[in-house]
Amino acid sequence: MNQKRNGYILAGGKSSRMGTDKGLLMLKDKMIVEYVIDNLKHCVDQIFIVSSNKQYEQFSLPMLPDLMMGKGPAVGIFSALEHSTVNQNFVISCDTPFVDSTLILRILRLAKDYEICIPESNGYWEPLVGVYSKSISEKWKQSMVAGEFKLQTLIEKFNYKLLSSEKDLSANKHAFLNINSPDELLKAEKWMK
C-alpha cells in the first residue's frame, strides 16, 4: 500500500444548527474551511474535499461526493476511504479551524499501529479529526449496509486508539472546537483576539 498520506475534509453536512454551510462562513479574515486547508496542507500529500456543494470548487482542490446522501459523517468517512489509494487517511471536519498542523502531525505519528486513531477531549470522542486506514473500508461498508451509522459503534469494531488531548497531544482547550452554531462562531472569534 502506498506510503503517502491523504487528507479528506468532510463538508457534506446539513449544517442545520447554523442554517448555512459552516465551512464557508467567515472567521476573522477567511472562511473556516480555509483554516482547515492551511493546517492540513503541510501534513499530507494531497487534500480532497468530500462535498457536493459546488461552492467548494473555489479552493481548487479535488472534490468527491458522499456516496449516500443524508446518512451523516459515517458515509463521508466511507466515501473518503473508498476513494483513497493510500493507507493513512487524515479525516477532518470542515468546521474545525483550531486543529493546527502540529496536532495533525502528532496524530499521524501516533496512528501508525492502528486502523483508526482519534483524539478524546473532555471525555468526548473526536471521530471527525483522525486517521482512518484504507484497510477498514469494506468492513465499514458492511456495517453501514447492516444499518449502523453511529461513529463510536463503527469505530469500536476495529483496532482503534483514543489519544488523550492533554496527555498524548498537548492540545489546547479550544483545539477541537467545531463551529456548529452562531454562538460557537462568536466564541471562536473571541478566542482568536
N, C-alpha and C. Protein backbone atom coordinates (compact mmCIF):
# COMPACT_ATOMS: atom_id res chain seq x y z
N MET A 1 0.85 -1.21 0.00
CA MET A 1 0.00 0.00 0.00
C MET A 1 0.88 1.25 0.00
N ASN A 2 0.47 2.23 -0.73
CA ASN A 2 1.20 3.49 -0.86
C ASN A 2 1.49 4.11 0.51
N GLN A 3 2.71 4.61 0.71
CA GLN A 3 3.09 5.21 1.99
C GLN A 3 2.71 6.69 2.10
N LYS A 4 2.15 7.24 1.04
CA LYS A 4 1.71 8.63 1.10
C LYS A 4 0.51 8.78 2.03
N ARG A 5 0.23 10.02 2.37
CA ARG A 5 -0.92 10.32 3.23
C ARG A 5 -1.88 11.24 2.50
N ASN A 6 -3.16 10.92 2.58
CA ASN A 6 -4.19 11.80 2.04
C ASN A 6 -4.90 12.53 3.17
N GLY A 7 -5.41 13.70 2.85
CA GLY A 7 -6.27 14.43 3.77
C GLY A 7 -7.65 14.59 3.15
N TYR A 8 -8.68 14.30 3.93
CA TYR A 8 -10.05 14.43 3.44
C TYR A 8 -10.82 15.38 4.36
N ILE A 9 -11.32 16.46 3.79
CA ILE A 9 -12.12 17.42 4.55
C ILE A 9 -13.59 17.11 4.31
N LEU A 10 -14.30 16.77 5.39
CA LEU A 10 -15.73 16.44 5.28
C LEU A 10 -16.54 17.74 5.31
N ALA A 11 -17.23 18.01 4.22
CA ALA A 11 -18.01 19.25 4.12
C ALA A 11 -19.39 18.96 3.53
N GLY A 12 -19.92 17.79 3.86
CA GLY A 12 -21.21 17.40 3.29
C GLY A 12 -22.36 17.44 4.26
N GLY A 13 -22.13 18.01 5.45
CA GLY A 13 -23.18 18.01 6.48
C GLY A 13 -24.31 18.98 6.17
N LYS A 14 -25.40 18.82 6.92
CA LYS A 14 -26.59 19.65 6.70
C LYS A 14 -26.46 21.04 7.31
N SER A 15 -25.57 21.20 8.31
CA SER A 15 -25.39 22.50 8.99
C SER A 15 -26.72 23.03 9.53
N SER A 16 -27.54 22.14 10.09
CA SER A 16 -28.89 22.53 10.49
C SER A 16 -28.91 23.56 11.62
N ARG A 17 -27.96 23.47 12.57
CA ARG A 17 -27.95 24.44 13.67
C ARG A 17 -27.45 25.80 13.22
N MET A 18 -26.57 25.81 12.22
CA MET A 18 -26.02 27.07 11.74
C MET A 18 -26.95 27.71 10.71
N GLY A 19 -27.65 26.90 9.93
CA GLY A 19 -28.56 27.42 8.93
C GLY A 19 -27.90 27.72 7.59
N THR A 20 -26.58 27.55 7.52
CA THR A 20 -25.84 27.74 6.27
C THR A 20 -24.59 26.88 6.34
N ASP A 21 -23.91 26.69 5.22
CA ASP A 21 -22.75 25.80 5.19
C ASP A 21 -21.65 26.35 6.10
N LYS A 22 -21.30 25.56 7.13
CA LYS A 22 -20.38 26.04 8.17
C LYS A 22 -18.99 26.36 7.63
N GLY A 23 -18.49 25.50 6.78
CA GLY A 23 -17.12 25.68 6.29
C GLY A 23 -16.91 26.97 5.52
N LEU A 24 -17.99 27.51 4.96
CA LEU A 24 -17.89 28.70 4.12
C LEU A 24 -18.15 30.00 4.88
N LEU A 25 -18.41 29.89 6.18
CA LEU A 25 -18.60 31.09 7.00
C LEU A 25 -17.27 31.78 7.25
N MET A 26 -17.32 33.09 7.38
CA MET A 26 -16.10 33.86 7.66
C MET A 26 -15.76 33.81 9.15
N LEU A 27 -14.49 33.59 9.44
CA LEU A 27 -13.96 33.66 10.80
C LEU A 27 -12.77 34.60 10.72
N LYS A 28 -12.93 35.78 11.27
CA LYS A 28 -11.96 36.86 11.08
C LYS A 28 -11.80 37.15 9.59
N ASP A 29 -10.62 36.86 9.03
CA ASP A 29 -10.37 37.32 7.66
C ASP A 29 -10.44 36.23 6.60
N LYS A 30 -10.88 35.02 6.97
CA LYS A 30 -11.04 33.99 5.94
C LYS A 30 -12.11 32.97 6.33
N MET A 31 -12.50 32.15 5.37
CA MET A 31 -13.53 31.15 5.62
C MET A 31 -12.98 30.05 6.54
N ILE A 32 -13.89 29.46 7.33
CA ILE A 32 -13.48 28.44 8.30
C ILE A 32 -12.72 27.31 7.61
N VAL A 33 -13.21 26.85 6.47
CA VAL A 33 -12.55 25.74 5.78
C VAL A 33 -11.14 26.10 5.32
N GLU A 34 -10.88 27.39 5.10
CA GLU A 34 -9.54 27.79 4.69
C GLU A 34 -8.51 27.55 5.80
N TYR A 35 -8.93 27.71 7.05
CA TYR A 35 -8.04 27.38 8.17
C TYR A 35 -7.72 25.88 8.15
N VAL A 36 -8.75 25.09 7.88
CA VAL A 36 -8.57 23.63 7.85
C VAL A 36 -7.61 23.24 6.72
N ILE A 37 -7.81 23.83 5.56
CA ILE A 37 -6.93 23.56 4.41
C ILE A 37 -5.49 23.96 4.74
N ASP A 38 -5.32 25.16 5.30
CA ASP A 38 -3.97 25.65 5.62
C ASP A 38 -3.28 24.76 6.65
N ASN A 39 -4.03 24.28 7.63
CA ASN A 39 -3.45 23.42 8.66
C ASN A 39 -3.09 22.04 8.12
N LEU A 40 -3.87 21.57 7.16
CA LEU A 40 -3.70 20.21 6.63
C LEU A 40 -2.61 20.12 5.55
N LYS A 41 -2.42 21.20 4.81
CA LYS A 41 -1.58 21.09 3.60
C LYS A 41 -0.11 20.80 3.90
N HIS A 42 0.35 21.08 5.11
CA HIS A 42 1.74 20.79 5.46
C HIS A 42 1.93 19.37 5.99
N CYS A 43 0.84 18.63 6.09
CA CYS A 43 0.88 17.33 6.78
C CYS A 43 0.59 16.14 5.88
N VAL A 44 -0.02 16.37 4.74
CA VAL A 44 -0.42 15.27 3.86
C VAL A 44 0.05 15.55 2.43
N ASP A 45 0.03 14.51 1.60
CA ASP A 45 0.49 14.66 0.22
C ASP A 45 -0.57 15.25 -0.69
N GLN A 46 -1.84 14.97 -0.39
CA GLN A 46 -2.91 15.50 -1.23
C GLN A 46 -4.15 15.70 -0.38
N ILE A 47 -4.91 16.76 -0.68
CA ILE A 47 -6.14 17.08 0.05
C ILE A 47 -7.33 16.95 -0.89
N PHE A 48 -8.40 16.37 -0.37
CA PHE A 48 -9.66 16.24 -1.10
C PHE A 48 -10.78 16.80 -0.22
N ILE A 49 -11.81 17.33 -0.86
CA ILE A 49 -12.99 17.80 -0.13
C ILE A 49 -14.16 16.87 -0.46
N VAL A 50 -14.77 16.31 0.59
CA VAL A 50 -15.92 15.43 0.42
C VAL A 50 -17.18 16.29 0.55
N SER A 51 -17.75 16.66 -0.59
CA SER A 51 -18.92 17.53 -0.59
C SER A 51 -19.51 17.58 -2.00
N SER A 52 -20.82 17.81 -2.06
CA SER A 52 -21.49 18.03 -3.34
C SER A 52 -21.78 19.51 -3.57
N ASN A 53 -21.36 20.34 -2.61
CA ASN A 53 -21.60 21.78 -2.71
C ASN A 53 -20.56 22.41 -3.65
N LYS A 54 -21.01 22.88 -4.79
CA LYS A 54 -20.10 23.41 -5.81
C LYS A 54 -19.34 24.65 -5.35
N GLN A 55 -19.79 25.28 -4.27
CA GLN A 55 -19.08 26.46 -3.76
C GLN A 55 -17.66 26.10 -3.29
N TYR A 56 -17.45 24.83 -2.96
CA TYR A 56 -16.11 24.42 -2.51
C TYR A 56 -15.13 24.30 -3.67
N GLU A 57 -15.61 24.41 -4.89
CA GLU A 57 -14.72 24.36 -6.05
C GLU A 57 -13.75 25.55 -6.07
N GLN A 58 -14.11 26.64 -5.38
CA GLN A 58 -13.27 27.84 -5.37
C GLN A 58 -11.88 27.60 -4.77
N PHE A 59 -11.72 26.49 -4.02
CA PHE A 59 -10.43 26.23 -3.38
C PHE A 59 -9.50 25.39 -4.26
N SER A 60 -9.97 25.05 -5.46
CA SER A 60 -9.16 24.34 -6.45
C SER A 60 -8.57 23.04 -5.91
N LEU A 61 -9.36 22.33 -5.11
CA LEU A 61 -8.98 21.01 -4.61
C LEU A 61 -9.91 19.97 -5.21
N PRO A 62 -9.43 18.75 -5.43
CA PRO A 62 -10.31 17.70 -5.94
C PRO A 62 -11.48 17.47 -4.98
N MET A 63 -12.67 17.28 -5.56
CA MET A 63 -13.86 17.06 -4.75
C MET A 63 -14.47 15.71 -5.07
N LEU A 64 -15.09 15.11 -4.06
CA LEU A 64 -15.84 13.88 -4.28
C LEU A 64 -17.11 13.93 -3.46
N PRO A 65 -18.22 13.41 -4.00
CA PRO A 65 -19.49 13.46 -3.28
C PRO A 65 -19.61 12.34 -2.25
N ASP A 66 -20.48 12.55 -1.26
CA ASP A 66 -20.85 11.44 -0.37
C ASP A 66 -21.51 10.36 -1.21
N LEU A 67 -21.18 9.11 -0.95
CA LEU A 67 -21.72 8.00 -1.73
C LEU A 67 -23.17 7.69 -1.38
N MET A 68 -23.61 8.14 -0.20
CA MET A 68 -25.02 8.02 0.19
C MET A 68 -25.39 9.33 0.86
N MET A 69 -26.32 10.05 0.32
CA MET A 69 -26.67 11.35 0.88
C MET A 69 -27.56 11.21 2.11
N GLY A 70 -27.38 12.14 3.05
CA GLY A 70 -28.26 12.24 4.20
C GLY A 70 -28.06 11.21 5.29
N LYS A 71 -26.92 10.51 5.27
CA LYS A 71 -26.69 9.46 6.27
C LYS A 71 -25.61 9.84 7.28
N GLY A 72 -25.12 11.09 7.22
CA GLY A 72 -24.20 11.57 8.23
C GLY A 72 -22.73 11.31 7.94
N PRO A 73 -21.88 11.63 8.93
CA PRO A 73 -20.43 11.59 8.71
C PRO A 73 -19.86 10.19 8.48
N ALA A 74 -20.55 9.15 8.92
CA ALA A 74 -20.06 7.78 8.66
C ALA A 74 -19.92 7.55 7.16
N VAL A 75 -20.84 8.11 6.39
CA VAL A 75 -20.78 7.96 4.94
C VAL A 75 -19.67 8.83 4.35
N GLY A 76 -19.45 10.00 4.93
CA GLY A 76 -18.35 10.85 4.48
C GLY A 76 -17.01 10.15 4.64
N ILE A 77 -16.82 9.49 5.79
CA ILE A 77 -15.58 8.75 6.03
C ILE A 77 -15.47 7.59 5.04
N PHE A 78 -16.56 6.88 4.84
CA PHE A 78 -16.55 5.77 3.88
C PHE A 78 -16.24 6.26 2.46
N SER A 79 -16.83 7.38 2.08
CA SER A 79 -16.58 7.95 0.75
C SER A 79 -15.10 8.25 0.56
N ALA A 80 -14.48 8.79 1.61
CA ALA A 80 -13.04 9.07 1.58
C ALA A 80 -12.24 7.79 1.42
N LEU A 81 -12.57 6.78 2.21
CA LEU A 81 -11.81 5.52 2.18
C LEU A 81 -11.98 4.79 0.87
N GLU A 82 -13.17 4.81 0.32
CA GLU A 82 -13.40 4.16 -0.99
C GLU A 82 -12.58 4.84 -2.08
N HIS A 83 -12.45 6.14 -1.98
CA HIS A 83 -11.70 6.91 -2.97
C HIS A 83 -10.19 6.72 -2.84
N SER A 84 -9.72 6.58 -1.62
CA SER A 84 -8.29 6.63 -1.34
C SER A 84 -7.51 5.46 -1.94
N THR A 85 -6.26 5.75 -2.29
CA THR A 85 -5.33 4.71 -2.74
C THR A 85 -4.14 4.60 -1.79
N VAL A 86 -4.21 5.27 -0.63
CA VAL A 86 -3.13 5.22 0.36
C VAL A 86 -3.67 4.66 1.66
N ASN A 87 -2.76 4.19 2.51
CA ASN A 87 -3.22 3.55 3.75
C ASN A 87 -3.64 4.57 4.81
N GLN A 88 -2.82 5.60 5.03
CA GLN A 88 -3.13 6.59 6.08
C GLN A 88 -3.94 7.74 5.51
N ASN A 89 -5.13 7.92 6.05
CA ASN A 89 -6.03 8.98 5.59
C ASN A 89 -6.45 9.84 6.77
N PHE A 90 -6.08 11.11 6.73
CA PHE A 90 -6.48 12.02 7.80
C PHE A 90 -7.81 12.63 7.43
N VAL A 91 -8.82 12.35 8.25
CA VAL A 91 -10.19 12.84 8.03
C VAL A 91 -10.45 13.96 9.02
N ILE A 92 -10.96 15.08 8.51
CA ILE A 92 -11.23 16.22 9.38
C ILE A 92 -12.47 16.97 8.90
N SER A 93 -13.26 17.43 9.83
CA SER A 93 -14.47 18.19 9.51
C SER A 93 -14.10 19.60 9.04
N CYS A 94 -14.93 20.15 8.16
CA CYS A 94 -14.68 21.49 7.61
C CYS A 94 -14.84 22.60 8.63
N ASP A 95 -15.35 22.28 9.83
CA ASP A 95 -15.66 23.32 10.82
C ASP A 95 -14.76 23.27 12.05
N THR A 96 -13.52 22.77 11.86
CA THR A 96 -12.58 22.64 12.99
C THR A 96 -11.31 23.46 12.70
N PRO A 97 -11.39 24.78 12.81
CA PRO A 97 -10.27 25.64 12.40
C PRO A 97 -9.07 25.63 13.33
N PHE A 98 -9.23 25.08 14.56
CA PHE A 98 -8.14 25.17 15.54
C PHE A 98 -7.30 23.90 15.65
N VAL A 99 -7.56 22.92 14.80
CA VAL A 99 -6.71 21.72 14.76
C VAL A 99 -5.51 22.08 13.88
N ASP A 100 -4.41 22.49 14.52
CA ASP A 100 -3.28 23.01 13.76
C ASP A 100 -2.37 21.90 13.22
N SER A 101 -1.39 22.30 12.43
CA SER A 101 -0.51 21.34 11.77
C SER A 101 0.27 20.48 12.77
N THR A 102 0.70 21.08 13.86
CA THR A 102 1.44 20.33 14.88
C THR A 102 0.60 19.20 15.43
N LEU A 103 -0.66 19.49 15.70
CA LEU A 103 -1.60 18.50 16.23
C LEU A 103 -1.86 17.39 15.21
N ILE A 104 -2.07 17.77 13.96
CA ILE A 104 -2.30 16.79 12.90
C ILE A 104 -1.11 15.84 12.76
N LEU A 105 0.09 16.39 12.77
CA LEU A 105 1.30 15.56 12.64
C LEU A 105 1.46 14.62 13.82
N ARG A 106 1.11 15.08 15.03
CA ARG A 106 1.19 14.20 16.21
C ARG A 106 0.23 13.03 16.06
N ILE A 107 -0.99 13.31 15.63
CA ILE A 107 -1.99 12.24 15.46
C ILE A 107 -1.51 11.25 14.40
N LEU A 108 -1.01 11.74 13.29
CA LEU A 108 -0.50 10.86 12.23
C LEU A 108 0.63 9.97 12.75
N ARG A 109 1.53 10.55 13.54
CA ARG A 109 2.67 9.78 14.06
C ARG A 109 2.22 8.69 15.02
N LEU A 110 1.24 9.00 15.85
CA LEU A 110 0.77 8.05 16.87
C LEU A 110 -0.19 7.01 16.30
N ALA A 111 -0.60 7.20 15.04
CA ALA A 111 -1.62 6.32 14.44
C ALA A 111 -1.03 5.09 13.76
N LYS A 112 0.28 5.01 13.64
CA LYS A 112 0.87 4.04 12.71
C LYS A 112 0.57 2.58 13.02
N ASP A 113 0.26 2.23 14.26
CA ASP A 113 0.00 0.83 14.60
C ASP A 113 -1.49 0.51 14.72
N TYR A 114 -2.34 1.43 14.29
CA TYR A 114 -3.79 1.26 14.50
C TYR A 114 -4.55 1.45 13.19
N GLU A 115 -5.74 0.84 13.13
CA GLU A 115 -6.60 1.04 11.97
C GLU A 115 -7.29 2.41 12.02
N ILE A 116 -7.60 2.84 13.24
CA ILE A 116 -8.23 4.14 13.46
C ILE A 116 -7.56 4.78 14.66
N CYS A 117 -7.29 6.07 14.56
CA CYS A 117 -6.69 6.79 15.68
C CYS A 117 -7.33 8.16 15.76
N ILE A 118 -8.02 8.42 16.88
CA ILE A 118 -8.74 9.69 17.04
C ILE A 118 -8.48 10.27 18.44
N PRO A 119 -8.63 11.57 18.60
CA PRO A 119 -8.49 12.18 19.92
C PRO A 119 -9.73 11.97 20.80
N GLU A 120 -9.49 12.10 22.09
CA GLU A 120 -10.57 12.15 23.08
C GLU A 120 -10.34 13.42 23.89
N SER A 121 -11.33 14.27 23.96
CA SER A 121 -11.19 15.56 24.63
C SER A 121 -12.34 15.77 25.61
N ASN A 122 -11.99 15.99 26.87
CA ASN A 122 -13.00 16.20 27.93
C ASN A 122 -14.04 15.08 27.97
N GLY A 123 -13.58 13.84 27.76
CA GLY A 123 -14.47 12.69 27.82
C GLY A 123 -15.24 12.43 26.54
N TYR A 124 -15.06 13.27 25.52
CA TYR A 124 -15.77 13.09 24.25
C TYR A 124 -14.81 12.60 23.17
N TRP A 125 -15.27 11.63 22.39
CA TRP A 125 -14.51 11.19 21.23
C TRP A 125 -14.58 12.26 20.15
N GLU A 126 -13.51 12.39 19.38
CA GLU A 126 -13.46 13.34 18.28
C GLU A 126 -13.24 12.58 16.97
N PRO A 127 -14.26 11.86 16.50
CA PRO A 127 -14.08 10.99 15.33
C PRO A 127 -13.91 11.72 14.01
N LEU A 128 -14.17 13.03 14.00
CA LEU A 128 -14.02 13.79 12.76
C LEU A 128 -12.70 14.56 12.72
N VAL A 129 -11.73 14.09 13.52
CA VAL A 129 -10.36 14.58 13.49
C VAL A 129 -9.48 13.37 13.73
N GLY A 130 -9.16 12.62 12.71
CA GLY A 130 -8.36 11.44 12.98
C GLY A 130 -7.92 10.69 11.75
N VAL A 131 -7.20 9.60 12.00
CA VAL A 131 -6.61 8.79 10.94
C VAL A 131 -7.41 7.51 10.77
N TYR A 132 -7.77 7.23 9.52
CA TYR A 132 -8.52 6.03 9.17
C TYR A 132 -7.76 5.27 8.10
N SER A 133 -7.55 3.98 8.34
CA SER A 133 -6.81 3.15 7.39
C SER A 133 -7.70 2.73 6.23
N LYS A 134 -7.14 2.73 5.06
CA LYS A 134 -7.85 2.26 3.86
C LYS A 134 -8.37 0.84 4.06
N SER A 135 -7.65 0.03 4.84
CA SER A 135 -7.98 -1.39 5.00
C SER A 135 -9.33 -1.65 5.67
N ILE A 136 -9.91 -0.63 6.32
CA ILE A 136 -11.18 -0.84 7.03
C ILE A 136 -12.39 -0.61 6.13
N SER A 137 -12.17 -0.17 4.91
CA SER A 137 -13.26 0.30 4.05
C SER A 137 -14.37 -0.73 3.87
N GLU A 138 -14.02 -1.97 3.56
CA GLU A 138 -15.04 -2.98 3.27
C GLU A 138 -15.87 -3.32 4.50
N LYS A 139 -15.21 -3.51 5.63
CA LYS A 139 -15.94 -3.83 6.87
C LYS A 139 -16.80 -2.65 7.32
N TRP A 140 -16.31 -1.43 7.13
CA TRP A 140 -17.09 -0.21 7.44
C TRP A 140 -18.36 -0.18 6.59
N LYS A 141 -18.19 -0.50 5.31
CA LYS A 141 -19.33 -0.53 4.38
C LYS A 141 -20.35 -1.58 4.81
N GLN A 142 -19.88 -2.77 5.15
CA GLN A 142 -20.78 -3.85 5.57
C GLN A 142 -21.59 -3.44 6.79
N SER A 143 -20.96 -2.75 7.71
CA SER A 143 -21.66 -2.30 8.92
C SER A 143 -22.74 -1.28 8.59
N MET A 144 -22.45 -0.39 7.64
CA MET A 144 -23.46 0.59 7.24
C MET A 144 -24.61 -0.07 6.49
N VAL A 145 -24.29 -1.03 5.65
CA VAL A 145 -25.34 -1.78 4.94
C VAL A 145 -26.27 -2.46 5.94
N ALA A 146 -25.70 -2.89 7.07
CA ALA A 146 -26.49 -3.52 8.14
C ALA A 146 -27.25 -2.50 8.98
N GLY A 147 -27.08 -1.21 8.65
CA GLY A 147 -27.86 -0.17 9.33
C GLY A 147 -27.13 0.58 10.41
N GLU A 148 -25.83 0.37 10.57
CA GLU A 148 -25.08 1.04 11.63
C GLU A 148 -24.38 2.27 11.08
N PHE A 149 -24.77 3.44 11.60
CA PHE A 149 -24.16 4.69 11.15
C PHE A 149 -23.57 5.49 12.31
N LYS A 150 -23.72 5.00 13.53
CA LYS A 150 -23.18 5.71 14.70
C LYS A 150 -21.66 5.53 14.72
N LEU A 151 -20.94 6.64 14.73
CA LEU A 151 -19.49 6.58 14.58
C LEU A 151 -18.80 5.78 15.68
N GLN A 152 -19.17 6.01 16.94
CA GLN A 152 -18.48 5.30 18.02
C GLN A 152 -18.66 3.79 17.89
N THR A 153 -19.87 3.36 17.55
CA THR A 153 -20.14 1.92 17.39
C THR A 153 -19.33 1.36 16.23
N LEU A 154 -19.24 2.10 15.15
CA LEU A 154 -18.44 1.66 14.00
C LEU A 154 -16.96 1.55 14.37
N ILE A 155 -16.44 2.57 15.01
CA ILE A 155 -15.02 2.60 15.37
C ILE A 155 -14.64 1.45 16.29
N GLU A 156 -15.55 1.09 17.20
CA GLU A 156 -15.26 0.03 18.17
C GLU A 156 -15.12 -1.35 17.52
N LYS A 157 -15.47 -1.47 16.25
CA LYS A 157 -15.32 -2.75 15.53
C LYS A 157 -13.88 -2.97 15.04
N PHE A 158 -13.02 -1.97 15.20
CA PHE A 158 -11.68 -2.02 14.63
C PHE A 158 -10.60 -1.91 15.71
N ASN A 159 -9.35 -2.08 15.28
CA ASN A 159 -8.20 -1.86 16.15
C ASN A 159 -7.99 -0.35 16.21
N TYR A 160 -8.53 0.28 17.27
CA TYR A 160 -8.51 1.74 17.34
C TYR A 160 -7.74 2.23 18.56
N LYS A 161 -7.31 3.47 18.50
CA LYS A 161 -6.60 4.12 19.60
C LYS A 161 -7.24 5.46 19.88
N LEU A 162 -7.56 5.71 21.15
CA LEU A 162 -8.02 7.03 21.57
C LEU A 162 -6.83 7.78 22.15
N LEU A 163 -6.59 8.97 21.67
CA LEU A 163 -5.48 9.80 22.15
C LEU A 163 -6.01 10.86 23.10
N SER A 164 -5.45 10.93 24.28
CA SER A 164 -5.83 11.98 25.22
C SER A 164 -5.38 13.33 24.68
N SER A 165 -6.32 14.26 24.61
CA SER A 165 -5.98 15.57 24.05
C SER A 165 -4.90 16.26 24.87
N GLU A 166 -4.88 16.02 26.18
CA GLU A 166 -3.88 16.66 27.04
C GLU A 166 -2.60 15.83 27.14
N LYS A 167 -2.72 14.56 27.52
CA LYS A 167 -1.53 13.74 27.76
C LYS A 167 -0.79 13.37 26.49
N ASP A 168 -1.51 12.90 25.47
CA ASP A 168 -0.87 12.43 24.24
C ASP A 168 -0.57 13.54 23.25
N LEU A 169 -1.44 14.54 23.21
CA LEU A 169 -1.37 15.53 22.13
C LEU A 169 -0.98 16.93 22.58
N SER A 170 -1.00 17.18 23.89
CA SER A 170 -0.69 18.52 24.41
C SER A 170 -1.52 19.60 23.72
N ALA A 171 -2.78 19.27 23.48
CA ALA A 171 -3.67 20.20 22.76
C ALA A 171 -4.22 21.26 23.69
N ASN A 172 -4.45 22.45 23.16
CA ASN A 172 -5.07 23.49 23.99
C ASN A 172 -6.58 23.22 24.09
N LYS A 173 -7.23 23.91 25.01
CA LYS A 173 -8.63 23.59 25.33
C LYS A 173 -9.60 23.91 24.20
N HIS A 174 -9.18 24.72 23.23
CA HIS A 174 -10.06 25.08 22.12
C HIS A 174 -9.80 24.25 20.87
N ALA A 175 -8.80 23.39 20.91
CA ALA A 175 -8.32 22.73 19.68
C ALA A 175 -9.43 22.02 18.91
N PHE A 176 -10.32 21.34 19.62
CA PHE A 176 -11.31 20.51 18.93
C PHE A 176 -12.68 21.16 18.85
N LEU A 177 -12.72 22.47 19.08
CA LEU A 177 -13.99 23.17 18.90
C LEU A 177 -14.43 23.06 17.45
N ASN A 178 -15.63 22.54 17.24
CA ASN A 178 -16.20 22.58 15.90
C ASN A 178 -17.36 23.57 15.94
N ILE A 179 -17.40 24.42 14.95
CA ILE A 179 -18.31 25.57 14.96
C ILE A 179 -19.64 25.16 14.33
N ASN A 180 -20.60 24.86 15.21
CA ASN A 180 -21.91 24.36 14.77
C ASN A 180 -23.03 25.37 14.86
N SER A 181 -22.79 26.47 15.56
CA SER A 181 -23.88 27.42 15.79
C SER A 181 -23.33 28.84 15.78
N PRO A 182 -24.21 29.83 15.60
CA PRO A 182 -23.76 31.22 15.65
C PRO A 182 -23.05 31.57 16.95
N ASP A 183 -23.51 30.97 18.07
CA ASP A 183 -22.89 31.22 19.37
C ASP A 183 -21.45 30.71 19.39
N GLU A 184 -21.22 29.54 18.83
CA GLU A 184 -19.87 28.98 18.78
C GLU A 184 -18.96 29.79 17.86
N LEU A 185 -19.54 30.36 16.82
CA LEU A 185 -18.76 31.23 15.93
C LEU A 185 -18.30 32.48 16.67
N LEU A 186 -19.18 33.05 17.49
CA LEU A 186 -18.81 34.22 18.29
C LEU A 186 -17.71 33.88 19.29
N LYS A 187 -17.83 32.72 19.92
CA LYS A 187 -16.79 32.27 20.86
C LYS A 187 -15.45 32.13 20.17
N ALA A 188 -15.46 31.54 18.99
CA ALA A 188 -14.23 31.33 18.22
C ALA A 188 -13.58 32.68 17.89
N GLU A 189 -14.40 33.65 17.52
CA GLU A 189 -13.86 34.98 17.18
C GLU A 189 -13.22 35.63 18.41
N LYS A 190 -13.81 35.44 19.58
CA LYS A 190 -13.24 36.00 20.80
C LYS A 190 -11.90 35.34 21.14
N TRP A 191 -11.83 34.01 20.98
CA TRP A 191 -10.60 33.30 21.31
C TRP A 191 -9.45 33.69 20.38
N MET A 192 -9.77 34.12 19.18
CA MET A 192 -8.73 34.47 18.21
C MET A 192 -8.18 35.88 18.45
N LYS A 193 -8.82 36.66 19.30
CA LYS A 193 -8.35 38.03 19.55
C LYS A 193 -7.14 38.02 20.47
